[in-house]
PDB file of N, CA and C in Angstrom:
ATOM      1  N   MET A   1       6.645  -7.536  16.094  1.00  0.00           N
ATOM      2  CA  MET A   1       6.987  -6.279  15.525  1.00  0.00           C
ATOM      3  C   MET A   1       6.353  -5.204  14.856  1.00  0.00           C
ATOM      4  N   PRO A   2       6.834  -3.987  15.114  1.00  0.00           N
ATOM      5  CA  PRO A   2       6.161  -2.900  14.822  1.00  0.00           C
ATOM      6  C   PRO A   2       6.273  -2.718  13.140  1.00  0.00           C
ATOM      7  N   ALA A   3       5.081  -2.092  12.770  1.00  0.00           N
ATOM      8  CA  ALA A   3       5.391  -1.623  11.204  1.00  0.00           C
ATOM      9  C   ALA A   3       6.522  -0.954  10.657  1.00  0.00           C
ATOM     10  N   ALA A   4       7.003  -1.282   9.367  1.00  0.00           N
ATOM     11  CA  ALA A   4       8.335  -0.597   9.039  1.00  0.00           C
ATOM     12  C   ALA A   4       7.773   0.928   8.532  1.00  0.00           C
ATOM     13  N   ILE A   5       8.634   1.794   8.529  1.00  0.00           N
ATOM     14  CA  ILE A   5       8.047   3.036   7.766  1.00  0.00           C
ATOM     15  C   ILE A   5       8.754   3.185   6.708  1.00  0.00           C
ATOM     16  N   TYR A   6       7.987   3.581   5.665  1.00  0.00           N
ATOM     17  CA  TYR A   6       7.925   3.559   4.162  1.00  0.00           C
ATOM     18  C   TYR A   6       7.552   4.941   3.581  1.00  0.00           C
ATOM     19  N   ASP A   7       8.368   5.851   3.487  1.00  0.00           N
ATOM     20  CA  ASP A   7       7.808   6.774   2.593  1.00  0.00           C
ATOM     21  C   ASP A   7       7.874   7.002   0.945  1.00  0.00           C
ATOM     22  N   PHE A   8       7.019   7.472   0.248  1.00  0.00           N
ATOM     23  CA  PHE A   8       7.098   7.541  -1.012  1.00  0.00           C
ATOM     24  C   PHE A   8       6.591   8.526  -1.778  1.00  0.00           C
ATOM     25  N   GLU A   9       6.593   8.950  -3.046  1.00  0.00           N
ATOM     26  CA  GLU A   9       5.971   9.848  -3.717  1.00  0.00           C
ATOM     27  C   GLU A   9       5.375   9.388  -4.848  1.00  0.00           C
ATOM     28  N   ILE A  10       4.312  10.016  -4.984  1.00  0.00           N
ATOM     29  CA  ILE A  10       3.365   9.897  -6.275  1.00  0.00           C
ATOM     30  C   ILE A  10       3.207  10.701  -7.286  1.00  0.00           C
ATOM     31  N   GLU A  11       3.507  10.705  -8.460  1.00  0.00           N
ATOM     32  CA  GLU A  11       3.488  11.788  -9.492  1.00  0.00           C
ATOM     33  C   GLU A  11       1.888  11.651  -9.999  1.00  0.00           C
ATOM     34  N   GLN A  12       1.319  13.042  -9.668  1.00  0.00           N
ATOM     35  CA  GLN A  12      -0.015  12.976 -10.091  1.00  0.00           C
ATOM     36  C   GLN A  12      -0.207  13.074 -11.548  1.00  0.00           C
ATOM     37  N   GLY A  13      -1.327  12.233 -11.983  1.00  0.00           N
ATOM     38  CA  GLY A  13      -1.704  11.707 -13.241  1.00  0.00           C
ATOM     39  C   GLY A  13      -0.885  10.829 -13.786  1.00  0.00           C
ATOM     40  N   THR A  14      -0.001   9.951 -13.222  1.00  0.00           N
ATOM     41  CA  THR A  14       0.740   8.693 -13.830  1.00  0.00           C
ATOM     42  C   THR A  14      -0.025   7.440 -13.253  1.00  0.00           C
ATOM     43  N   THR A  15       0.483   6.480 -13.948  1.00  0.00           N
ATOM     44  CA  THR A  15       0.206   5.118 -13.418  1.00  0.00           C
ATOM     45  C   THR A  15       1.475   4.534 -12.698  1.00  0.00           C
ATOM     46  N   LEU A  16       1.448   3.963 -11.377  1.00  0.00           N
ATOM     47  CA  LEU A  16       2.304   3.407 -10.519  1.00  0.00           C
ATOM     48  C   LEU A  16       2.025   2.359 -10.030  1.00  0.00           C
ATOM     49  N   ASN A  17       2.903   1.458 -10.462  1.00  0.00           N
ATOM     50  CA  ASN A  17       3.059   0.126  -9.626  1.00  0.00           C
ATOM     51  C   ASN A  17       4.207   0.140  -8.863  1.00  0.00           C
ATOM     52  N   LYS A  18       4.042   0.119  -7.536  1.00  0.00           N
ATOM     53  CA  LYS A  18       5.015  -0.208  -6.470  1.00  0.00           C
ATOM     54  C   LYS A  18       5.257  -1.556  -6.063  1.00  0.00           C
ATOM     55  N   GLY A  19       6.328  -2.056  -6.331  1.00  0.00           N
ATOM     56  CA  GLY A  19       6.548  -3.451  -5.915  1.00  0.00           C
ATOM     57  C   GLY A  19       7.438  -3.464  -4.719  1.00  0.00           C
ATOM     58  N   LEU A  20       6.884  -4.448  -3.829  1.00  0.00           N
ATOM     59  CA  LEU A  20       7.715  -4.864  -2.545  1.00  0.00           C
ATOM     60  C   LEU A  20       7.769  -6.299  -2.299  1.00  0.00           C
ATOM     61  N   VAL A  21       8.638  -6.615  -1.315  1.00  0.00           N
ATOM     62  CA  VAL A  21       8.827  -8.146  -1.099  1.00  0.00           C
ATOM     63  C   VAL A  21       8.907  -8.194   0.456  1.00  0.00           C
ATOM     64  N   TRP A  22       8.011  -9.032   1.151  1.00  0.00           N
ATOM     65  CA  TRP A  22       7.885  -9.005   2.541  1.00  0.00           C
ATOM     66  C   TRP A  22       8.666 -10.297   2.828  1.00  0.00           C
ATOM     67  N   LYS A  23       9.642 -10.002   3.632  1.00  0.00           N
ATOM     68  CA  LYS A  23      10.679 -11.088   3.899  1.00  0.00           C
ATOM     69  C   LYS A  23      10.725 -11.327   5.699  1.00  0.00           C
ATOM     70  N   GLY A  24      10.380 -12.504   6.029  1.00  0.00           N
ATOM     71  CA  GLY A  24      10.689 -12.837   7.240  1.00  0.00           C
ATOM     72  C   GLY A  24      11.755 -12.838   8.282  1.00  0.00           C
ATOM     73  N   SER A  25      11.842 -13.045   9.387  1.00  0.00           N
ATOM     74  CA  SER A  25      13.149 -12.838  10.131  1.00  0.00           C
ATOM     75  C   SER A  25      14.665 -13.560   9.680  1.00  0.00           C
ATOM     76  N   THR A  26      14.460 -14.596   8.683  1.00  0.00           N
ATOM     77  CA  THR A  26      15.419 -15.096   8.252  1.00  0.00           C
ATOM     78  C   THR A  26      16.021 -14.756   6.816  1.00  0.00           C
ATOM     79  N   GLY A  27      14.962 -13.560   6.376  1.00  0.00           N
ATOM     80  CA  GLY A  27      15.506 -13.178   5.217  1.00  0.00           C
ATOM     81  C   GLY A  27      14.802 -13.835   4.061  1.00  0.00           C
ATOM     82  N   ALA A  28      14.040 -15.077   4.199  1.00  0.00           N
ATOM     83  CA  ALA A  28      13.213 -15.698   2.975  1.00  0.00           C
ATOM     84  C   ALA A  28      12.012 -14.933   2.916  1.00  0.00           C
ATOM     85  N   PRO A  29      11.628 -14.648   1.715  1.00  0.00           N
ATOM     86  CA  PRO A  29      10.227 -14.171   1.312  1.00  0.00           C
ATOM     87  C   PRO A  29       9.206 -14.829   2.198  1.00  0.00           C
ATOM     88  N   VAL A  30       7.896 -14.204   2.935  1.00  0.00           N
ATOM     89  CA  VAL A  30       6.941 -14.523   3.422  1.00  0.00           C
ATOM     90  C   VAL A  30       5.874 -15.218   2.493  1.00  0.00           C
ATOM     91  N   ASP A  31       5.370 -16.586   2.582  1.00  0.00           N
ATOM     92  CA  ASP A  31       4.538 -17.064   1.646  1.00  0.00           C
ATOM     93  C   ASP A  31       3.434 -16.407   1.798  1.00  0.00           C
ATOM     94  N   LEU A  32       2.915 -15.635   0.793  1.00  0.00           N
ATOM     95  CA  LEU A  32       1.543 -14.753   1.372  1.00  0.00           C
ATOM     96  C   LEU A  32       0.184 -15.681   0.523  1.00  0.00           C
ATOM     97  N   SER A  33       0.333 -16.909   0.234  1.00  0.00           N
ATOM     98  CA  SER A  33      -0.596 -17.905   0.055  1.00  0.00           C
ATOM     99  C   SER A  33      -1.868 -17.688   1.009  1.00  0.00           C
ATOM    100  N   GLY A  34      -3.063 -17.104   0.609  1.00  0.00           N
ATOM    101  CA  GLY A  34      -4.321 -17.174   1.602  1.00  0.00           C
ATOM    102  C   GLY A  34      -4.396 -16.064   2.284  1.00  0.00           C
ATOM    103  N   TYR A  35      -3.504 -14.959   1.888  1.00  0.00           N
ATOM    104  CA  TYR A  35      -3.557 -13.609   2.473  1.00  0.00           C
ATOM    105  C   TYR A  35      -4.232 -12.818   1.469  1.00  0.00           C
ATOM    106  N   THR A  36      -4.835 -11.709   2.248  1.00  0.00           N
ATOM    107  CA  THR A  36      -5.417 -10.553   1.534  1.00  0.00           C
ATOM    108  C   THR A  36      -4.629  -9.422   2.070  1.00  0.00           C
ATOM    109  N   ALA A  37      -4.926  -8.368   1.294  1.00  0.00           N
ATOM    110  CA  ALA A  37      -4.352  -7.028   1.955  1.00  0.00           C
ATOM    111  C   ALA A  37      -5.269  -5.770   1.712  1.00  0.00           C
ATOM    112  N   ARG A  38      -4.768  -4.582   2.478  1.00  0.00           N
ATOM    113  CA  ARG A  38      -5.565  -3.557   2.277  1.00  0.00           C
ATOM    114  C   ARG A  38      -4.685  -2.077   2.711  1.00  0.00           C
ATOM    115  N   MET A  39      -4.951  -0.906   1.882  1.00  0.00           N
ATOM    116  CA  MET A  39      -3.991   0.363   2.103  1.00  0.00           C
ATOM    117  C   MET A  39      -5.101   1.358   1.890  1.00  0.00           C
ATOM    118  N   GLN A  40      -5.149   2.245   2.818  1.00  0.00           N
ATOM    119  CA  GLN A  40      -5.713   3.552   2.699  1.00  0.00           C
ATOM    120  C   GLN A  40      -4.746   4.729   2.751  1.00  0.00           C
ATOM    121  N   LEU A  41      -4.948   5.624   2.027  1.00  0.00           N
ATOM    122  CA  LEU A  41      -4.126   6.857   1.910  1.00  0.00           C
ATOM    123  C   LEU A  41      -5.301   8.112   2.609  1.00  0.00           C
ATOM    124  N   ARG A  42      -4.846   8.493   3.808  1.00  0.00           N
ATOM    125  CA  ARG A  42      -5.652   9.590   4.399  1.00  0.00           C
ATOM    126  C   ARG A  42      -5.067  11.063   4.396  1.00  0.00           C
ATOM    127  N   PRO A  43      -5.283  12.091   4.648  1.00  0.00           N
ATOM    128  CA  PRO A  43      -4.884  13.500   4.787  1.00  0.00           C
ATOM    129  C   PRO A  43      -3.778  13.398   5.963  1.00  0.00           C
ATOM    130  N   SER A  44      -4.524  12.841   7.102  1.00  0.00           N
ATOM    131  CA  SER A  44      -3.668  12.527   8.225  1.00  0.00           C
ATOM    132  C   SER A  44      -4.092  11.370   8.991  1.00  0.00           C
ATOM    133  N   VAL A  45      -3.384  11.112   9.921  1.00  0.00           N
ATOM    134  CA  VAL A  45      -3.606   9.797  10.829  1.00  0.00           C
ATOM    135  C   VAL A  45      -5.309   9.845  11.448  1.00  0.00           C
ATOM    136  N   SER A  46      -5.637  11.403  11.805  1.00  0.00           N
ATOM    137  CA  SER A  46      -6.796  11.201  12.449  1.00  0.00           C
ATOM    138  C   SER A  46      -8.044  11.491  11.630  1.00  0.00           C
ATOM    139  N   SER A  47      -7.864  11.716  10.435  1.00  0.00           N
ATOM    140  CA  SER A  47      -8.804  12.138   9.324  1.00  0.00           C
ATOM    141  C   SER A  47      -9.780  10.821   9.087  1.00  0.00           C
ATOM    142  N   ASP A  48     -11.027  11.317   8.786  1.00  0.00           N
ATOM    143  CA  ASP A  48     -11.936  10.245   8.356  1.00  0.00           C
ATOM    144  C   ASP A  48     -12.359  10.270   6.756  1.00  0.00           C
ATOM    145  N   THR A  49     -11.540  10.897   6.069  1.00  0.00           N
ATOM    146  CA  THR A  49     -11.355  11.318   4.596  1.00  0.00           C
ATOM    147  C   THR A  49     -10.478  10.040   4.114  1.00  0.00           C
ATOM    148  N   VAL A  50     -11.064   9.392   3.025  1.00  0.00           N
ATOM    149  CA  VAL A  50     -10.174   8.279   2.626  1.00  0.00           C
ATOM    150  C   VAL A  50      -9.897   8.838   1.221  1.00  0.00           C
ATOM    151  N   LEU A  51      -8.553   9.001   0.990  1.00  0.00           N
ATOM    152  CA  LEU A  51      -8.021   9.763  -0.433  1.00  0.00           C
ATOM    153  C   LEU A  51      -8.100   8.776  -1.659  1.00  0.00           C
ATOM    154  N   LEU A  52      -7.500   7.544  -1.054  1.00  0.00           N
ATOM    155  CA  LEU A  52      -7.325   6.285  -1.793  1.00  0.00           C
ATOM    156  C   LEU A  52      -7.520   4.927  -0.924  1.00  0.00           C
ATOM    157  N   ASP A  53      -8.221   4.065  -1.595  1.00  0.00           N
ATOM    158  CA  ASP A  53      -8.516   2.942  -0.891  1.00  0.00           C
ATOM    159  C   ASP A  53      -7.981   1.614  -1.887  1.00  0.00           C
ATOM    160  N   LEU A  54      -6.891   1.093  -1.618  1.00  0.00           N
ATOM    161  CA  LEU A  54      -6.416  -0.167  -2.279  1.00  0.00           C
ATOM    162  C   LEU A  54      -6.492  -1.604  -1.479  1.00  0.00           C
ATOM    163  N   THR A  55      -7.282  -2.426  -2.074  1.00  0.00           N
ATOM    164  CA  THR A  55      -7.491  -4.103  -1.459  1.00  0.00           C
ATOM    165  C   THR A  55      -7.056  -4.829  -2.453  1.00  0.00           C
ATOM    166  N   THR A  56      -7.023  -6.218  -2.136  1.00  0.00           N
ATOM    167  CA  THR A  56      -6.754  -7.411  -3.042  1.00  0.00           C
ATOM    168  C   THR A  56      -8.066  -7.268  -3.675  1.00  0.00           C
ATOM    169  N   GLU A  57      -9.057  -7.040  -3.038  1.00  0.00           N
ATOM    170  CA  GLU A  57     -10.457  -7.250  -3.593  1.00  0.00           C
ATOM    171  C   GLU A  57     -10.931  -6.350  -4.646  1.00  0.00           C
ATOM    172  N   ASN A  58     -10.561  -5.132  -4.658  1.00  0.00           N
ATOM    173  CA  ASN A  58     -10.564  -4.271  -5.626  1.00  0.00           C
ATOM    174  C   ASN A  58      -9.467  -4.159  -7.020  1.00  0.00           C
ATOM    175  N   GLY A  59      -8.530  -4.858  -6.868  1.00  0.00           N
ATOM    176  CA  GLY A  59      -7.412  -5.187  -7.836  1.00  0.00           C
ATOM    177  C   GLY A  59      -6.305  -3.848  -7.741  1.00  0.00           C
ATOM    178  N   GLY A  60      -6.510  -3.446  -6.464  1.00  0.00           N
ATOM    179  CA  GLY A  60      -5.387  -2.196  -6.480  1.00  0.00           C
ATOM    180  C   GLY A  60      -4.137  -2.828  -5.551  1.00  0.00           C
ATOM    181  N   ILE A  61      -4.177  -3.901  -5.210  1.00  0.00           N
ATOM    182  CA  ILE A  61      -2.899  -4.894  -4.661  1.00  0.00           C
ATOM    183  C   ILE A  61      -2.945  -6.263  -5.187  1.00  0.00           C
ATOM    184  N   THR A  62      -2.014  -6.743  -5.498  1.00  0.00           N
ATOM    185  CA  THR A  62      -1.490  -7.900  -5.989  1.00  0.00           C
ATOM    186  C   THR A  62      -0.708  -8.480  -4.996  1.00  0.00           C
ATOM    187  N   LEU A  63      -1.035  -9.891  -4.535  1.00  0.00           N
ATOM    188  CA  LEU A  63       0.139 -10.756  -3.834  1.00  0.00           C
ATOM    189  C   LEU A  63       0.957 -11.676  -4.603  1.00  0.00           C
ATOM    190  N   GLY A  64       2.059 -11.955  -4.478  1.00  0.00           N
ATOM    191  CA  GLY A  64       2.632 -12.976  -5.246  1.00  0.00           C
ATOM    192  C   GLY A  64       2.723 -14.420  -4.508  1.00  0.00           C
ATOM    193  N   GLY A  65       2.058 -14.870  -3.813  1.00  0.00           N
ATOM    194  CA  GLY A  65       2.187 -16.119  -3.127  1.00  0.00           C
ATOM    195  C   GLY A  65       3.469 -16.438  -2.560  1.00  0.00           C
ATOM    196  N   VAL A  66       4.108 -17.475  -2.868  1.00  0.00           N
ATOM    197  CA  VAL A  66       5.374 -18.045  -2.004  1.00  0.00           C
ATOM    198  C   VAL A  66       6.575 -17.111  -2.389  1.00  0.00           C
ATOM    199  N   LEU A  67       6.228 -16.193  -3.426  1.00  0.00           N
ATOM    200  CA  LEU A  67       7.307 -15.211  -3.561  1.00  0.00           C
ATOM    201  C   LEU A  67       7.413 -14.017  -2.873  1.00  0.00           C
ATOM    202  N   GLY A  68       6.488 -13.728  -2.053  1.00  0.00           N
ATOM    203  CA  GLY A  68       6.366 -12.854  -0.915  1.00  0.00           C
ATOM    204  C   GLY A  68       6.266 -11.367  -1.416  1.00  0.00           C
ATOM    205  N   THR A  69       5.831 -11.487  -2.664  1.00  0.00           N
ATOM    206  CA  THR A  69       5.721 -10.069  -3.497  1.00  0.00           C
ATOM    207  C   THR A  69       4.266  -9.208  -3.117  1.00  0.00           C
ATOM    208  N   ILE A  70       4.298  -8.027  -3.124  1.00  0.00           N
ATOM    209  CA  ILE A  70       3.236  -7.116  -3.148  1.00  0.00           C
ATOM    210  C   ILE A  70       3.181  -6.290  -3.854  1.00  0.00           C
ATOM    211  N   THR A  71       2.323  -5.933  -4.924  1.00  0.00           N
ATOM    212  CA  THR A  71       2.243  -4.750  -5.777  1.00  0.00           C
ATOM    213  C   THR A  71       1.389  -3.867  -5.488  1.00  0.00           C
ATOM    214  N   LEU A  72       1.154  -2.478  -5.476  1.00  0.00           N
ATOM    215  CA  LEU A  72       0.321  -1.754  -5.178  1.00  0.00           C
ATOM    216  C   LEU A  72       0.262  -0.994  -6.599  1.00  0.00           C
ATOM    217  N   HIS A  73      -1.275  -1.077  -6.916  1.00  0.00           N
ATOM    218  CA  HIS A  73      -1.560  -0.496  -8.389  1.00  0.00           C
ATOM    219  C   HIS A  73      -2.126   0.876  -8.066  1.00  0.00           C
ATOM    220  N   PHE A  74      -1.544   1.878  -8.723  1.00  0.00           N
ATOM    221  CA  PHE A  74      -2.178   3.224  -8.850  1.00  0.00           C
ATOM    222  C   PHE A  74      -2.639   3.322 -10.434  1.00  0.00           C
ATOM    223  N   THR A  75      -3.742   3.794 -10.514  1.00  0.00           N
ATOM    224  CA  THR A  75      -4.068   4.077 -11.913  1.00  0.00           C
ATOM    225  C   THR A  75      -3.566   5.623 -12.065  1.00  0.00           C
ATOM    226  N   ALA A  76      -3.822   5.937 -13.293  1.00  0.00           N
ATOM    227  CA  ALA A  76      -3.475   7.524 -13.833  1.00  0.00           C
ATOM    228  C   ALA A  76      -4.713   8.108 -13.291  1.00  0.00           C
ATOM    229  N   ALA A  77      -5.874   7.688 -13.357  1.00  0.00           N
ATOM    230  CA  ALA A  77      -7.002   8.339 -12.763  1.00  0.00           C
ATOM    231  C   ALA A  77      -7.075   8.411 -11.621  1.00  0.00           C
ATOM    232  N   GLN A  78      -6.626   7.506 -10.555  1.00  0.00           N
ATOM    233  CA  GLN A  78      -6.682   7.754  -9.176  1.00  0.00           C
ATOM    234  C   GLN A  78      -5.721   8.818  -8.862  1.00  0.00           C
ATOM    235  N   THR A  79      -4.383   8.734  -9.383  1.00  0.00           N
ATOM    236  CA  THR A  79      -3.323   9.774  -9.186  1.00  0.00           C
ATOM    237  C   THR A  79      -3.735  11.050  -9.439  1.00  0.00           C
ATOM    238  N   ALA A  80      -4.348  11.284 -10.643  1.00  0.00           N
ATOM    239  CA  ALA A  80      -4.919  12.398 -10.998  1.00  0.00           C
ATOM    240  C   ALA A  80      -6.159  13.112  -9.983  1.00  0.00           C
ATOM    241  N   ALA A  81      -6.578  12.117  -9.431  1.00  0.00           N
ATOM    242  CA  ALA A  81      -7.681  12.849  -8.485  1.00  0.00           C
ATOM    243  C   ALA A  81      -7.163  13.213  -7.035  1.00  0.00           C
ATOM    244  N   LEU A  82      -5.840  12.631  -6.884  1.00  0.00           N
ATOM    245  CA  LEU A  82      -5.525  12.977  -5.569  1.00  0.00           C
ATOM    246  C   LEU A  82      -5.301  14.559  -5.510  1.00  0.00           C
ATOM    247  N   PRO A  83      -5.894  15.178  -4.374  1.00  0.00           N
ATOM    248  CA  PRO A  83      -5.577  16.503  -4.248  1.00  0.00           C
ATOM    249  C   PRO A  83      -4.359  16.867  -3.285  1.00  0.00           C
ATOM    250  N   LYS A  84      -3.837  16.051  -2.431  1.00  0.00           N
ATOM    251  CA  LYS A  84      -2.768  15.965  -2.012  1.00  0.00           C
ATOM    252  C   LYS A  84      -2.236  14.803  -1.533  1.00  0.00           C
ATOM    253  N   GLY A  85      -0.939  14.692  -0.947  1.00  0.00           N
ATOM    254  CA  GLY A  85      -0.325  13.642  -0.397  1.00  0.00           C
ATOM    255  C   GLY A  85      -1.201  13.499   1.141  1.00  0.00           C
ATOM    256  N   GLY A  86      -0.574  12.406   1.912  1.00  0.00           N
ATOM    257  CA  GLY A  86      -0.962  12.218   3.290  1.00  0.00           C
ATOM    258  C   GLY A  86      -0.247  11.009   3.662  1.00  0.00           C
ATOM    259  N   VAL A  87      -0.890  10.245   4.503  1.00  0.00           N
ATOM    260  CA  VAL A  87      -0.411   9.181   5.337  1.00  0.00           C
ATOM    261  C   VAL A  87      -1.280   7.863   4.887  1.00  0.00           C
ATOM    262  N   TYR A  88      -0.431   6.543   5.113  1.00  0.00           N
ATOM    263  CA  TYR A  88      -1.151   5.356   4.825  1.00  0.00           C
ATOM    264  C   TYR A  88      -0.606   4.592   5.681  1.00  0.00           C
ATOM    265  N   ASP A  89      -1.400   3.421   5.618  1.00  0.00           N
ATOM    266  CA  ASP A  89      -0.837   2.016   6.142  1.00  0.00           C
ATOM    267  C   ASP A  89      -1.182   0.889   5.334  1.00  0.00           C
ATOM    268  N   LEU A  90      -0.346  -0.348   5.309  1.00  0.00           N
ATOM    269  CA  LEU A  90      -0.458  -1.517   4.617  1.00  0.00           C
ATOM    270  C   LEU A  90      -0.909  -2.387   5.600  1.00  0.00           C
ATOM    271  N   GLU A  91      -1.877  -3.042   5.440  1.00  0.00           N
ATOM    272  CA  GLU A  91      -2.299  -4.267   6.585  1.00  0.00           C
ATOM    273  C   GLU A  91      -2.248  -5.630   5.668  1.00  0.00           C
ATOM    274  N   MET A  92      -1.945  -6.731   6.202  1.00  0.00           N
ATOM    275  CA  MET A  92      -1.994  -7.845   5.747  1.00  0.00           C
ATOM    276  C   MET A  92      -2.875  -8.762   6.508  1.00  0.00           C
ATOM    277  N   ILE A  93      -3.678  -9.502   5.862  1.00  0.00           N
ATOM    278  CA  ILE A  93      -4.719 -10.213   6.572  1.00  0.00           C
ATOM    279  C   ILE A  93      -4.687 -11.661   6.287  1.00  0.00           C
ATOM    280  N   VAL A  94      -4.745 -12.580   7.304  1.00  0.00           N
ATOM    281  CA  VAL A  94      -4.623 -13.803   6.939  1.00  0.00           C
ATOM    282  C   VAL A  94      -5.355 -14.827   8.119  1.00  0.00           C
ATOM    283  N   GLY A  95      -6.381 -15.453   7.916  1.00  0.00           N
ATOM    284  CA  GLY A  95      -7.024 -16.239   9.289  1.00  0.00           C
ATOM    285  C   GLY A  95      -7.567 -15.221  10.291  1.00  0.00           C
ATOM    286  N   GLY A  96      -8.188 -13.850   9.733  1.00  0.00           N
ATOM    287  CA  GLY A  96      -8.468 -13.315  10.934  1.00  0.00           C
ATOM    288  C   GLY A  96      -7.370 -12.340  11.598  1.00  0.00           C
ATOM    289  N   ASN A  97      -6.398 -12.772  11.296  1.00  0.00           N
ATOM    290  CA  ASN A  97      -5.027 -11.801  11.767  1.00  0.00           C
ATOM    291  C   ASN A  97      -4.811 -10.795  11.202  1.00  0.00           C
ATOM    292  N   VAL A  98      -4.522  -9.617  11.615  1.00  0.00           N
ATOM    293  CA  VAL A  98      -4.184  -8.310  10.933  1.00  0.00           C
ATOM    294  C   VAL A  98      -2.904  -7.967  11.125  1.00  0.00           C
ATOM    295  N   THR A  99      -1.814  -7.922  10.207  1.00  0.00           N
ATOM    296  CA  THR A  99      -0.618  -7.237  10.618  1.00  0.00           C
ATOM    297  C   THR A  99      -0.426  -6.103   9.706  1.00  0.00           C
ATOM    298  N   ARG A 100      -0.033  -5.054  10.565  1.00  0.00           N
ATOM    299  CA  ARG A 100       0.477  -3.621   9.671  1.00  0.00           C
ATOM    300  C   ARG A 100       1.681  -3.782   9.434  1.00  0.00           C
ATOM    301  N   LEU A 101       1.930  -3.933   8.094  1.00  0.00           N
ATOM    302  CA  LEU A 101       3.339  -4.176   7.541  1.00  0.00           C
ATOM    303  C   LEU A 101       4.179  -3.065   7.489  1.00  0.00           C
ATOM    304  N   LEU A 102       3.522  -1.890   6.788  1.00  0.00           N
ATOM    305  CA  LEU A 102       4.042  -0.936   6.433  1.00  0.00           C
ATOM    306  C   LEU A 102       3.222   0.417   6.920  1.00  0.00           C
ATOM    307  N   GLN A 103       3.865   1.594   7.264  1.00  0.00           N
ATOM    308  CA  GLN A 103       2.907   2.658   7.321  1.00  0.00           C
ATOM    309  C   GLN A 103       3.896   3.854   7.046  1.00  0.00           C
ATOM    310  N   GLY A 104       3.583   5.192   6.524  1.00  0.00           N
ATOM    311  CA  GLY A 104       4.450   6.236   6.292  1.00  0.00           C
ATOM    312  C   GLY A 104       3.548   7.358   5.383  1.00  0.00           C
ATOM    313  N   ALA A 105       4.250   8.431   4.914  1.00  0.00           N
ATOM    314  CA  ALA A 105       4.022   9.411   4.356  1.00  0.00           C
ATOM    315  C   ALA A 105       3.943   9.133   2.625  1.00  0.00           C
ATOM    316  N   VAL A 106       2.920   9.812   1.957  1.00  0.00           N
ATOM    317  CA  VAL A 106       2.903  10.114   0.726  1.00  0.00           C
ATOM    318  C   VAL A 106       2.684  11.338   0.363  1.00  0.00           C
ATOM    319  N   SER A 107       4.047  11.637  -0.432  1.00  0.00           N
ATOM    320  CA  SER A 107       4.010  13.088  -0.885  1.00  0.00           C
ATOM    321  C   SER A 107       3.567  12.980  -2.574  1.00  0.00           C
ATOM    322  N   LEU A 108       2.887  14.277  -2.861  1.00  0.00           N
ATOM    323  CA  LEU A 108       2.174  14.196  -4.230  1.00  0.00           C
ATOM    324  C   LEU A 108       3.315  15.207  -5.051  1.00  0.00           C
ATOM    325  N   SER A 109       3.505  14.823  -6.180  1.00  0.00           N
ATOM    326  CA  SER A 109       4.173  15.944  -7.079  1.00  0.00           C
ATOM    327  C   SER A 109       3.021  16.073  -8.100  1.00  0.00           C
ATOM    328  N   LYS A 110       2.735  17.551  -8.123  1.00  0.00           N
ATOM    329  CA  LYS A 110       1.706  17.774  -8.728  1.00  0.00           C
ATOM    330  C   LYS A 110       1.789  18.205 -10.291  1.00  0.00           C
ATOM    331  N   GLU A 111       1.071  17.733 -11.046  1.00  0.00           N
ATOM    332  CA  GLU A 111       1.179  17.862 -12.494  1.00  0.00           C
ATOM    333  C   GLU A 111       0.887  19.175 -12.912  1.00  0.00           C
ATOM    334  N   VAL A 112       1.275  19.649 -13.673  1.00  0.00           N
ATOM    335  CA  VAL A 112       1.128  21.046 -14.397  1.00  0.00           C
ATOM    336  C   VAL A 112      -0.209  21.258 -15.230  1.00  0.00           C
TER     337      VAL A 112
END
């Protein structure tokens, strides 16, 4: 199954906790026990520059086990440091298998 496309906006200088639920083909939440996750924001798909790196290991992503919840945590300091928006993908990892769950564009609403 290809990754779903989900575009969203970040307000620069604010704290953002973005909640998602991964549901399987039956509509039931996917059990995320044993999973890790990673997400990178880059200026473009081909760019080597990483604007933001969120993982379960660095506390940027929290997984909700049997509830299938995924919460992306953006601190005010992280969003304040963003020079612009870009593109991202969110990957879920279990047992050496990687699934790209989401991808899309992130726009940045600049602060005054």
